[in-house]
Amino acid sequence: MNSKEIRIYNLSPDEFKESIRSIVKELVPKQKNKLEKLPSTEELLTVDETLKLLKCSKQALWNWRKNGILPSYRLGNRVYYKKSDIFNKLVKQV
């Protein structure tokens, strides 16, 4: 990737838009490639999806999260679990 210095304060609105377009055109394909390379188990599950997968009660899931048995991730006020973490924990239990 060629680095190029862009001085935004010297750009006209049209030049600024074109600069942003060129940056997006360059970065979006690279990010898509990175996302496609992630294994499907990196998917984030909601609490309800995790409950269905583990077939356990909400209280049990909360206790596992509270005690650090199953790591959770917060985005805003929502809690998510990585599918890979769940499978790794299940494999270690066997």
C-alpha atoms as a PDB file:
ATOM      1  CA  MET A   1       0.000   0.000   0.000  1.00  0.00           C
ATOM      2  CA  ASN A   2       1.412   3.335  -0.977  1.00  0.00           C
ATOM      3  CA  SER A   3       1.115   5.879   1.771  1.00  0.00           C
ATOM      4  CA  LYS A   4       0.117   9.289   0.663  1.00  0.00           C
ATOM      5  CA  GLU A   5      -0.227  12.356   2.811  1.00  0.00           C
ATOM      6  CA  ILE A   6      -3.552  14.092   2.470  1.00  0.00           C
ATOM      7  CA  ARG A   7      -4.012  17.568   3.814  1.00  0.00           C
ATOM      8  CA  ILE A   8      -7.713  17.876   4.381  1.00  0.00           C
ATOM      9  CA  TYR A   9      -7.697  21.579   5.119  1.00  0.00           C
ATOM     10  CA  ASN A  10      -6.375  22.301   1.607  1.00  0.00           C
ATOM     11  CA  LEU A  11      -8.989  20.235  -0.215  1.00  0.00           C
ATOM     12  CA  SER A  12     -12.127  21.466  -1.867  1.00  0.00           C
ATOM     13  CA  PRO A  13     -15.323  19.560  -0.978  1.00  0.00           C
ATOM     14  CA  ASP A  14     -15.137  17.621  -4.260  1.00  0.00           C
ATOM     15  CA  GLU A  15     -11.477  16.724  -3.722  1.00  0.00           C
ATOM     16  CA  PHE A  16     -12.289  15.635  -0.186  1.00  0.00           C
ATOM     17  CA  LYS A  17     -15.102  13.345  -1.424  1.00  0.00           C
ATOM     18  CA  GLU A  18     -12.800  11.840  -4.047  1.00  0.00           C
ATOM     19  CA  SER A  19     -10.080  11.235  -1.468  1.00  0.00           C
ATOM     20  CA  ILE A  20     -12.544   9.455   0.816  1.00  0.00           C
ATOM     21  CA  ARG A  21     -13.831   7.357  -2.101  1.00  0.00           C
ATOM     22  CA  SER A  22     -10.310   6.254  -3.012  1.00  0.00           C
ATOM     23  CA  ILE A  23      -9.547   5.347   0.603  1.00  0.00           C
ATOM     24  CA  VAL A  24     -12.757   3.327   0.892  1.00  0.00           C
ATOM     25  CA  LYS A  25     -12.118   1.578  -2.436  1.00  0.00           C
ATOM     26  CA  GLU A  26      -8.698   0.536  -1.176  1.00  0.00           C
ATOM     27  CA  LEU A  27      -9.684  -0.525   2.345  1.00  0.00           C
ATOM     28  CA  VAL A  28     -13.029  -2.298   1.848  1.00  0.00           C
ATOM     29  CA  PRO A  29     -11.696  -5.253  -0.196  1.00  0.00           C
ATOM     30  CA  LYS A  30      -8.904  -5.810   2.326  1.00  0.00           C
ATOM     31  CA  GLN A  31     -11.362  -5.863   5.214  1.00  0.00           C
ATOM     32  CA  LYS A  32     -13.679  -8.242   3.351  1.00  0.00           C
ATOM     33  CA  ASN A  33     -10.745 -10.621   2.800  1.00  0.00           C
ATOM     34  CA  LYS A  34      -9.923 -10.535   6.511  1.00  0.00           C
ATOM     35  CA  LEU A  35     -13.535 -11.252   7.453  1.00  0.00           C
ATOM     36  CA  GLU A  36     -13.781 -14.134   5.000  1.00  0.00           C
ATOM     37  CA  LYS A  37     -10.636 -15.726   6.473  1.00  0.00           C
ATOM     38  CA  LEU A  38     -12.151 -15.850   9.970  1.00  0.00           C
ATOM     39  CA  PRO A  39     -13.465 -19.275  10.885  1.00  0.00           C
ATOM     40  CA  SER A  40     -17.226 -19.541  11.104  1.00  0.00           C
ATOM     41  CA  THR A  41     -16.925 -20.356  14.803  1.00  0.00           C
ATOM     42  CA  GLU A  42     -15.949 -16.725  15.505  1.00  0.00           C
ATOM     43  CA  GLU A  43     -19.592 -15.863  15.239  1.00  0.00           C
ATOM     44  CA  LEU A  44     -21.094 -13.997  18.186  1.00  0.00           C
ATOM     45  CA  LEU A  45     -24.186 -15.511  19.742  1.00  0.00           C
ATOM     46  CA  THR A  46     -26.850 -13.691  21.715  1.00  0.00           C
ATOM     47  CA  VAL A  47     -27.890 -14.953  25.138  1.00  0.00           C
ATOM     48  CA  ASP A  48     -30.959 -16.680  23.666  1.00  0.00           C
ATOM     49  CA  GLU A  49     -28.911 -18.350  20.921  1.00  0.00           C
ATOM     50  CA  THR A  50     -26.382 -19.518  23.506  1.00  0.00           C
ATOM     51  CA  LEU A  51     -29.154 -20.908  25.706  1.00  0.00           C
ATOM     52  CA  LYS A  52     -30.538 -22.898  22.766  1.00  0.00           C
ATOM     53  CA  LEU A  53     -27.083 -24.196  21.864  1.00  0.00           C
ATOM     54  CA  LEU A  54     -26.158 -25.243  25.405  1.00  0.00           C
ATOM     55  CA  LYS A  55     -29.688 -26.268  26.421  1.00  0.00           C
ATOM     56  CA  CYS A  56     -29.239 -24.733  29.852  1.00  0.00           C
ATOM     57  CA  SER A  57     -31.091 -22.235  32.023  1.00  0.00           C
ATOM     58  CA  LYS A  58     -30.502 -18.497  31.985  1.00  0.00           C
ATOM     59  CA  GLN A  59     -29.375 -18.718  35.606  1.00  0.00           C
ATOM     60  CA  ALA A  60     -26.731 -21.344  34.785  1.00  0.00           C
ATOM     61  CA  LEU A  61     -25.402 -19.250  31.900  1.00  0.00           C
ATOM     62  CA  TRP A  62     -25.295 -16.157  34.123  1.00  0.00           C
ATOM     63  CA  ASN A  63     -23.408 -18.096  36.824  1.00  0.00           C
ATOM     64  CA  TRP A  64     -20.868 -19.375  34.283  1.00  0.00           C
ATOM     65  CA  ARG A  65     -20.351 -15.820  33.049  1.00  0.00           C
ATOM     66  CA  LYS A  66     -20.088 -14.402  36.575  1.00  0.00           C
ATOM     67  CA  ASN A  67     -17.568 -17.066  37.670  1.00  0.00           C
ATOM     68  CA  GLY A  68     -15.448 -16.695  34.510  1.00  0.00           C
ATOM     69  CA  ILE A  69     -16.209 -20.181  33.257  1.00  0.00           C
ATOM     70  CA  LEU A  70     -17.588 -18.923  29.956  1.00  0.00           C
ATOM     71  CA  PRO A  71     -16.235 -15.569  28.723  1.00  0.00           C
ATOM     72  CA  SER A  72     -18.738 -13.039  27.471  1.00  0.00           C
ATOM     73  CA  TYR A  73     -18.472  -9.860  25.454  1.00  0.00           C
ATOM     74  CA  ARG A  74     -20.528  -6.715  25.807  1.00  0.00           C
ATOM     75  CA  LEU A  75     -21.506  -4.477  22.936  1.00  0.00           C
ATOM     76  CA  GLY A  76     -23.488  -1.598  24.336  1.00  0.00           C
ATOM     77  CA  ASN A  77     -25.877  -3.092  26.846  1.00  0.00           C
ATOM     78  CA  ARG A  78     -26.039  -6.496  25.145  1.00  0.00           C
ATOM     79  CA  VAL A  79     -24.102  -9.613  26.083  1.00  0.00           C
ATOM     80  CA  TYR A  80     -22.670 -11.962  23.462  1.00  0.00           C
ATOM     81  CA  TYR A  81     -20.727 -15.214  23.545  1.00  0.00           C
ATOM     82  CA  LYS A  82     -18.220 -16.407  20.954  1.00  0.00           C
ATOM     83  CA  LYS A  83     -19.146 -19.727  19.436  1.00  0.00           C
ATOM     84  CA  SER A  84     -15.479 -20.729  19.457  1.00  0.00           C
ATOM     85  CA  ASP A  85     -15.254 -20.071  23.229  1.00  0.00           C
ATOM     86  CA  ILE A  86     -18.269 -22.296  23.809  1.00  0.00           C
ATOM     87  CA  PHE A  87     -16.832 -25.141  21.707  1.00  0.00           C
ATOM     88  CA  ASN A  88     -13.390 -24.794  23.314  1.00  0.00           C
ATOM     89  CA  LYS A  89     -14.950 -24.995  26.773  1.00  0.00           C
ATOM     90  CA  LEU A  90     -16.993 -28.049  25.796  1.00  0.00           C
ATOM     91  CA  VAL A  91     -13.905 -29.803  24.412  1.00  0.00           C
ATOM     92  CA  LYS A  92     -11.948 -29.125  27.606  1.00  0.00           C
ATOM     93  CA  GLN A  93     -14.801 -30.557  29.699  1.00  0.00           C
ATOM     94  CA  VAL A  94     -14.706 -33.927  27.900  1.00  0.00           C
END
